[in-house]
Amino acid sequence: LTDLPGELLELILCCDVLGATDIGRVSCTCRRLREACQPRGKVWRQRFRLRWPTLLKYYSHTDGISWLEEYKARHNAGLEAQRIVASFSKRFFSEHVPCDGFSDIETLGCPSHFFEDELMCILNMEGR
């Protein structure tokens, strides 16, 4: 892989069948592959786009975005949203919802569109 031209290497790393874990592992192998998978580069942008295509509308193409950090933040927001939603039935089984019942959502510390996107993913899951 390291002998391939940069453009071809980038195309391979942007392949749909590779996941974020695969890209992370490839980037740990050597300096050349780590540089190909740089956080602000095309590879992590493609990972983000493939996983959450509806979120790209919130970004400008001219911004110097660390796509790796955005990917991590969105992934963590999704895990937290799933945890919160799983706790709803225990907390809100009664007819009375406490005033501060949704305070954990308000204090997530991530962009609200990440949480909204995860809620839409949960609602659109098959078997739900």
C-alpha atoms as a PDB file:
ATOM      1  CA  LEU A   1       0.000   0.000   0.000  1.00  0.00           C
ATOM      2  CA  THR A   2       2.748   2.428   0.851  1.00  0.00           C
ATOM      3  CA  ASP A   3       4.175   2.269  -2.683  1.00  0.00           C
ATOM      4  CA  LEU A   4       0.911   3.364  -4.301  1.00  0.00           C
ATOM      5  CA  PRO A   5       0.481   6.959  -5.484  1.00  0.00           C
ATOM      6  CA  GLY A   6      -1.276   9.193  -2.952  1.00  0.00           C
ATOM      7  CA  GLU A   7      -4.420   9.662  -5.054  1.00  0.00           C
ATOM      8  CA  LEU A   8      -4.888   5.913  -5.495  1.00  0.00           C
ATOM      9  CA  LEU A   9      -4.231   5.260  -1.823  1.00  0.00           C
ATOM     10  CA  GLU A  10      -6.826   7.872  -0.922  1.00  0.00           C
ATOM     11  CA  LEU A  11      -9.388   6.249  -3.243  1.00  0.00           C
ATOM     12  CA  ILE A  12      -8.794   2.878  -1.623  1.00  0.00           C
ATOM     13  CA  LEU A  13      -9.136   4.305   1.876  1.00  0.00           C
ATOM     14  CA  CYS A  14     -12.383   6.066   0.902  1.00  0.00           C
ATOM     15  CA  CYS A  15     -13.903   2.769  -0.232  1.00  0.00           C
ATOM     16  CA  ASP A  16     -17.391   2.117   1.158  1.00  0.00           C
ATOM     17  CA  VAL A  17     -16.525  -1.292   2.593  1.00  0.00           C
ATOM     18  CA  LEU A  18     -13.931   0.110   4.996  1.00  0.00           C
ATOM     19  CA  GLY A  19     -15.193   1.339   8.333  1.00  0.00           C
ATOM     20  CA  ALA A  20     -13.856   3.850  10.816  1.00  0.00           C
ATOM     21  CA  THR A  21     -12.148   1.089  12.767  1.00  0.00           C
ATOM     22  CA  ASP A  22     -10.378  -0.055   9.595  1.00  0.00           C
ATOM     23  CA  ILE A  23      -9.167   3.481   8.852  1.00  0.00           C
ATOM     24  CA  GLY A  24      -7.964   3.876  12.436  1.00  0.00           C
ATOM     25  CA  ARG A  25      -6.020   0.642  12.251  1.00  0.00           C
ATOM     26  CA  VAL A  26      -4.504   1.465   8.860  1.00  0.00           C
ATOM     27  CA  SER A  27      -3.386   4.867  10.113  1.00  0.00           C
ATOM     28  CA  CYS A  28      -1.515   3.197  12.998  1.00  0.00           C
ATOM     29  CA  THR A  29       0.679   1.088  10.752  1.00  0.00           C
ATOM     30  CA  CYS A  30       3.142   3.638   9.406  1.00  0.00           C
ATOM     31  CA  ARG A  31       3.764   7.329   8.811  1.00  0.00           C
ATOM     32  CA  ARG A  32       2.775   7.209   5.132  1.00  0.00           C
ATOM     33  CA  LEU A  33      -0.639   5.709   5.883  1.00  0.00           C
ATOM     34  CA  ARG A  34      -1.141   7.994   8.897  1.00  0.00           C
ATOM     35  CA  GLU A  35      -0.572  10.983   6.613  1.00  0.00           C
ATOM     36  CA  ALA A  36      -3.037   9.550   4.083  1.00  0.00           C
ATOM     37  CA  CYS A  37      -5.644   9.336   6.871  1.00  0.00           C
ATOM     38  CA  GLN A  38      -5.049  12.770   8.334  1.00  0.00           C
ATOM     39  CA  PRO A  39      -7.937  14.131  10.465  1.00  0.00           C
ATOM     40  CA  ARG A  40      -8.705  17.073   8.160  1.00  0.00           C
ATOM     41  CA  GLY A  41      -8.401  15.048   4.977  1.00  0.00           C
ATOM     42  CA  LYS A  42     -10.681  13.443   2.471  1.00  0.00           C
ATOM     43  CA  VAL A  43     -10.650   9.975   4.064  1.00  0.00           C
ATOM     44  CA  TRP A  44     -12.320  10.992   7.352  1.00  0.00           C
ATOM     45  CA  ARG A  45     -14.671  13.353   5.543  1.00  0.00           C
ATOM     46  CA  GLN A  46     -15.779  10.412   3.429  1.00  0.00           C
ATOM     47  CA  ARG A  47     -16.255   8.238   6.562  1.00  0.00           C
ATOM     48  CA  PHE A  48     -18.410  10.985   8.081  1.00  0.00           C
ATOM     49  CA  ARG A  49     -20.387  11.426   4.861  1.00  0.00           C
ATOM     50  CA  LEU A  50     -21.038   7.712   4.478  1.00  0.00           C
ATOM     51  CA  ARG A  51     -22.161   7.255   8.074  1.00  0.00           C
ATOM     52  CA  TRP A  52     -24.218  10.432   8.492  1.00  0.00           C
ATOM     53  CA  PRO A  53     -24.979  11.893   5.044  1.00  0.00           C
ATOM     54  CA  THR A  54     -27.684  14.281   6.274  1.00  0.00           C
ATOM     55  CA  LEU A  55     -25.253  16.144   8.547  1.00  0.00           C
ATOM     56  CA  LEU A  56     -23.025  17.541   5.785  1.00  0.00           C
ATOM     57  CA  LYS A  57     -25.455  20.428   5.276  1.00  0.00           C
ATOM     58  CA  TYR A  58     -24.198  21.878   8.581  1.00  0.00           C
ATOM     59  CA  TYR A  59     -20.635  22.267   7.277  1.00  0.00           C
ATOM     60  CA  SER A  60     -18.951  24.634   4.875  1.00  0.00           C
ATOM     61  CA  HIS A  61     -16.433  23.291   2.377  1.00  0.00           C
ATOM     62  CA  THR A  62     -14.053  26.141   3.176  1.00  0.00           C
ATOM     63  CA  ASP A  63     -13.839  25.413   6.912  1.00  0.00           C
ATOM     64  CA  GLY A  64     -10.726  23.649   8.190  1.00  0.00           C
ATOM     65  CA  ILE A  65     -12.695  20.919   9.921  1.00  0.00           C
ATOM     66  CA  SER A  66     -11.093  17.994  11.700  1.00  0.00           C
ATOM     67  CA  TRP A  67     -13.330  15.278  10.293  1.00  0.00           C
ATOM     68  CA  LEU A  68     -11.873  12.738  12.677  1.00  0.00           C
ATOM     69  CA  GLU A  69     -12.918  14.858  15.662  1.00  0.00           C
ATOM     70  CA  GLU A  70     -16.371  15.444  14.143  1.00  0.00           C
ATOM     71  CA  TYR A  71     -16.732  11.708  13.558  1.00  0.00           C
ATOM     72  CA  LYS A  72     -15.785  10.980  17.163  1.00  0.00           C
ATOM     73  CA  ALA A  73     -18.111  13.672  18.520  1.00  0.00           C
ATOM     74  CA  ARG A  74     -21.067  12.427  16.463  1.00  0.00           C
ATOM     75  CA  HIS A  75     -20.374   8.821  17.393  1.00  0.00           C
ATOM     76  CA  ASN A  76     -20.192   9.686  21.105  1.00  0.00           C
ATOM     77  CA  ALA A  77     -23.349  11.797  20.850  1.00  0.00           C
ATOM     78  CA  GLY A  78     -25.092   8.800  19.312  1.00  0.00           C
ATOM     79  CA  LEU A  79     -24.016   6.496  22.117  1.00  0.00           C
ATOM     80  CA  GLU A  80     -25.176   9.016  24.706  1.00  0.00           C
ATOM     81  CA  ALA A  81     -28.507   9.527  22.920  1.00  0.00           C
ATOM     82  CA  GLN A  82     -29.090   5.777  22.846  1.00  0.00           C
ATOM     83  CA  ARG A  83     -28.364   5.580  26.562  1.00  0.00           C
ATOM     84  CA  ILE A  84     -30.776   8.419  27.311  1.00  0.00           C
ATOM     85  CA  VAL A  85     -33.547   6.975  25.151  1.00  0.00           C
ATOM     86  CA  ALA A  86     -33.106   3.564  26.770  1.00  0.00           C
ATOM     87  CA  SER A  87     -33.655   5.173  30.180  1.00  0.00           C
ATOM     88  CA  PHE A  88     -36.913   6.898  29.141  1.00  0.00           C
ATOM     89  CA  SER A  89     -39.235   3.984  29.855  1.00  0.00           C
ATOM     90  CA  LYS A  90     -37.886   3.634  33.395  1.00  0.00           C
ATOM     91  CA  ARG A  91     -38.098   7.343  34.185  1.00  0.00           C
ATOM     92  CA  PHE A  92     -41.289   8.328  32.355  1.00  0.00           C
ATOM     93  CA  PHE A  93     -43.486   5.268  32.705  1.00  0.00           C
ATOM     94  CA  SER A  94     -45.923   7.279  34.792  1.00  0.00           C
ATOM     95  CA  GLU A  95     -48.159   9.959  33.324  1.00  0.00           C
ATOM     96  CA  HIS A  96     -46.257  12.693  35.142  1.00  0.00           C
ATOM     97  CA  VAL A  97     -43.026  13.809  33.478  1.00  0.00           C
ATOM     98  CA  PRO A  98     -40.850  15.858  35.854  1.00  0.00           C
ATOM     99  CA  CYS A  99     -39.916  19.383  34.795  1.00  0.00           C
ATOM    100  CA  ASP A 100     -36.234  18.524  34.783  1.00  0.00           C
ATOM    101  CA  GLY A 101     -36.837  15.204  33.016  1.00  0.00           C
ATOM    102  CA  PHE A 102     -34.938  16.198  29.900  1.00  0.00           C
ATOM    103  CA  SER A 103     -32.055  18.028  31.555  1.00  0.00           C
ATOM    104  CA  ASP A 104     -29.592  15.306  30.573  1.00  0.00           C
ATOM    105  CA  ILE A 105     -30.345  16.008  26.914  1.00  0.00           C
ATOM    106  CA  GLU A 106     -29.751  19.719  27.372  1.00  0.00           C
ATOM    107  CA  THR A 107     -26.351  19.125  28.952  1.00  0.00           C
ATOM    108  CA  LEU A 108     -24.975  16.706  26.351  1.00  0.00           C
ATOM    109  CA  GLY A 109     -22.257  19.095  25.245  1.00  0.00           C
ATOM    110  CA  CYS A 110     -22.562  18.270  21.549  1.00  0.00           C
ATOM    111  CA  PRO A 111     -24.265  20.068  18.680  1.00  0.00           C
ATOM    112  CA  SER A 112     -28.025  19.595  18.854  1.00  0.00           C
ATOM    113  CA  HIS A 113     -28.153  18.345  15.265  1.00  0.00           C
ATOM    114  CA  PHE A 114     -26.042  15.336  16.327  1.00  0.00           C
ATOM    115  CA  PHE A 115     -28.651  14.372  18.918  1.00  0.00           C
ATOM    116  CA  GLU A 116     -31.533  15.031  16.500  1.00  0.00           C
ATOM    117  CA  ASP A 117     -29.867  12.901  13.850  1.00  0.00           C
ATOM    118  CA  GLU A 118     -29.419  10.009  16.275  1.00  0.00           C
ATOM    119  CA  LEU A 119     -33.051  10.246  17.361  1.00  0.00           C
ATOM    120  CA  MET A 120     -34.111  10.025  13.719  1.00  0.00           C
ATOM    121  CA  CYS A 121     -31.851   6.982  13.266  1.00  0.00           C
ATOM    122  CA  ILE A 122     -33.440   5.329  16.309  1.00  0.00           C
ATOM    123  CA  LEU A 123     -36.951   6.082  15.046  1.00  0.00           C
ATOM    124  CA  ASN A 124     -36.179   4.719  11.589  1.00  0.00           C
ATOM    125  CA  MET A 125     -34.576   1.468  12.797  1.00  0.00           C
ATOM    126  CA  GLU A 126     -36.345  -1.649  11.655  1.00  0.00           C
ATOM    127  CA  GLY A 127     -38.139  -3.515  14.395  1.00  0.00           C
ATOM    128  CA  ARG A 128     -38.853  -0.350  16.390  1.00  0.00           C
END
